Amino acid sequence: METLIIRTEKEKLSALKTFLEEMNITFEIKKPKVKKEDRPYDPMFVKKILDTENEKTIRVNPAKIWESIL
């Protein structure tokens, strides 16, 4: 058995998968590992933001800001 590594764009991946399946060639797809410096946000910050989804919110009318707040 030989190993072939192919790097391709996402648009071409489905066609390549179809071809390999038609040829009865086994394959596996591995996503590249994301380095910490490639992540734009701190994971703790993202978790905090996602946790606020179920919290109570107040909708503010920009035309009547003070009435909306009070």
Protein backbone atom coordinates (compact mmCIF):
# COMPACT_ATOMS: atom_id res chain seq x y z
CA MET A 1 0.00 0.00 0.00
CA GLU A 2 1.21 3.48 -0.86
CA THR A 3 0.26 6.84 0.62
CA LEU A 4 -0.58 9.82 -1.54
CA ILE A 5 -0.99 13.27 0.00
CA ILE A 6 -3.08 15.72 -2.01
CA ARG A 7 -3.67 19.33 -1.02
CA THR A 8 -6.62 20.87 -2.80
CA GLU A 9 -9.19 23.63 -2.55
CA LYS A 10 -12.51 22.86 -0.93
CA GLU A 11 -14.38 23.31 -4.24
CA LYS A 12 -12.39 20.51 -5.89
CA LEU A 13 -12.64 18.14 -2.93
CA SER A 14 -16.07 16.71 -3.73
CA ALA A 15 -15.07 15.85 -7.30
CA LEU A 16 -11.90 14.22 -6.06
CA LYS A 17 -13.84 12.22 -3.45
CA THR A 18 -16.29 11.02 -6.11
CA PHE A 19 -13.44 9.92 -8.36
CA LEU A 20 -11.73 7.98 -5.57
CA GLU A 21 -14.99 6.29 -4.58
CA GLU A 22 -15.64 5.25 -8.19
CA MET A 23 -12.14 3.75 -8.33
CA ASN A 24 -12.77 1.89 -5.03
CA ILE A 25 -9.80 3.61 -3.43
CA THR A 26 -9.94 4.04 0.32
CA PHE A 27 -9.12 7.51 1.59
CA GLU A 28 -9.36 9.68 4.67
CA ILE A 29 -9.68 13.42 5.00
CA LYS A 30 -7.76 15.27 7.69
CA LYS A 31 -8.36 18.91 8.43
CA PRO A 32 -5.22 20.98 9.01
CA LYS A 33 -4.46 21.81 12.63
CA VAL A 34 -5.09 25.42 13.56
CA LYS A 35 -2.20 27.08 15.33
CA LYS A 36 -2.91 29.20 18.38
CA GLU A 37 -1.58 32.35 16.69
CA ASP A 38 -3.95 31.76 13.74
CA ARG A 39 -7.01 32.05 15.99
CA PRO A 40 -8.27 35.64 16.02
CA TYR A 41 -9.95 35.40 19.46
CA ASP A 42 -9.08 33.98 22.84
CA PRO A 43 -11.17 30.81 23.45
CA MET A 44 -12.22 32.07 26.90
CA PHE A 45 -13.58 35.26 25.32
CA VAL A 46 -15.53 33.28 22.73
CA LYS A 47 -16.99 31.06 25.48
CA LYS A 48 -18.14 34.13 27.44
CA ILE A 49 -19.88 35.57 24.38
CA LEU A 50 -21.58 32.28 23.52
CA ASP A 51 -22.74 31.84 27.13
CA THR A 52 -24.66 35.15 26.96
CA GLU A 53 -27.07 33.83 24.30
CA ASN A 54 -29.66 32.79 26.91
CA GLU A 55 -29.38 35.91 29.06
CA LYS A 56 -32.09 38.55 29.32
CA THR A 57 -31.66 41.38 26.80
CA ILE A 58 -33.11 44.89 26.46
CA ARG A 59 -34.04 46.27 23.06
CA VAL A 60 -33.28 50.00 22.71
CA ASN A 61 -35.16 52.29 20.34
CA PRO A 62 -32.54 54.67 18.87
CA ALA A 63 -35.14 57.39 18.37
CA LYS A 64 -36.07 57.31 22.06
CA ILE A 65 -32.88 56.21 23.77
CA TRP A 66 -33.60 57.59 27.27
CA GLU A 67 -37.17 56.29 27.34
CA SER A 68 -35.94 52.85 26.27
CA ILE A 69 -33.29 52.70 28.99
CA LEU A 70 -35.40 54.03 31.88
